[in-house]
Amino acid sequence: MFLKSRNNDNMVDISQTSELTNLYRDKVQGCYQNGEELQDQQAFNKADLVFLSGEELPKCWTDPNYRVPK
């Protein structure tokens, strides 16, 4: 799945979508998509990632207490 880094607007390829949707994980493994060569994998904070459209990730992927009324 491709997302965008909030810090530098570069595209990030997330290797395990299950890590992304696990709301108890703050980081996911992925790699930048720069040029034709595959970049090395690294950990990305979910808070620093957005969809390619700029839309935020769903709360049910990032906040363990998303169902608790505020």
Protein backbone atom coordinates (compact mmCIF):
# COMPACT_ATOMS: atom_id res chain seq x y z
CA MET A 1 0.00 0.00 0.00
CA PHE A 2 1.33 3.43 -0.89
CA LEU A 3 1.09 6.33 1.54
CA LYS A 4 2.75 9.73 1.72
CA SER A 5 5.16 11.02 4.34
CA ARG A 6 3.81 14.13 6.04
CA ASN A 7 7.40 15.35 6.63
CA ASN A 8 8.67 15.46 3.06
CA ASP A 9 5.74 14.50 0.76
CA ASN A 10 7.63 11.42 -0.52
CA MET A 11 5.70 8.28 -1.35
CA VAL A 12 6.16 5.35 1.06
CA ASP A 13 5.47 1.70 0.21
CA ILE A 14 4.13 -0.07 3.32
CA SER A 15 5.21 -3.71 3.22
CA GLN A 16 2.70 -5.20 5.70
CA THR A 17 -0.79 -3.72 5.58
CA SER A 18 -1.65 -5.69 8.74
CA GLU A 19 0.88 -3.55 10.68
CA LEU A 20 -0.81 -0.42 9.38
CA THR A 21 -4.30 -1.46 10.48
CA ASN A 22 -3.13 -2.75 13.89
CA LEU A 23 -4.11 0.10 16.19
CA TYR A 24 -1.68 -1.02 18.92
CA ARG A 25 1.38 -0.42 16.73
CA ASP A 26 2.80 3.08 16.43
CA LYS A 27 5.28 2.24 13.68
CA VAL A 28 5.16 0.37 10.39
CA GLN A 29 7.87 -0.99 8.10
CA GLY A 30 8.15 0.49 4.66
CA CYS A 31 10.48 2.09 2.16
CA TYR A 32 10.56 5.33 0.22
CA GLN A 33 9.75 5.17 -3.48
CA ASN A 34 12.50 7.38 -4.93
CA GLY A 35 13.71 6.69 -8.44
CA GLU A 36 13.88 3.25 -9.95
CA GLU A 37 15.93 1.50 -7.26
CA LEU A 38 14.21 -0.10 -4.31
CA GLN A 39 15.16 1.77 -1.12
CA ASP A 40 16.05 0.10 2.19
CA GLN A 41 13.22 -0.67 4.60
CA GLN A 42 12.84 1.49 7.68
CA ALA A 43 10.34 2.15 10.44
CA PHE A 44 7.82 4.96 9.93
CA ASN A 45 5.62 6.50 12.61
CA LYS A 46 1.97 6.17 11.67
CA ALA A 47 1.45 9.77 12.82
CA ASP A 48 3.81 10.89 10.03
CA LEU A 49 1.87 9.12 7.26
CA VAL A 50 -1.19 10.21 5.29
CA PHE A 51 -2.98 8.88 2.22
CA LEU A 52 -1.70 10.08 -1.16
CA SER A 53 -4.68 12.47 -1.31
CA GLY A 54 -3.52 14.11 1.95
CA GLU A 55 -6.35 12.56 3.97
CA GLU A 56 -5.49 11.41 7.50
CA LEU A 57 -5.36 7.71 8.42
CA PRO A 58 -8.57 6.42 10.06
CA LYS A 59 -8.72 6.68 13.87
CA CYS A 60 -9.45 2.94 14.08
CA TRP A 61 -5.90 2.35 12.74
CA THR A 62 -4.14 4.75 15.10
CA ASP A 63 -6.08 5.31 18.34
CA PRO A 64 -6.83 2.36 20.68
CA ASN A 65 -9.51 4.47 22.39
CA TYR A 66 -11.32 5.59 19.25
CA ARG A 67 -14.67 4.28 20.52
CA VAL A 68 -14.51 6.09 23.88
CA PRO A 69 -16.65 9.24 23.79
CA LYS A 70 -14.82 12.45 24.56
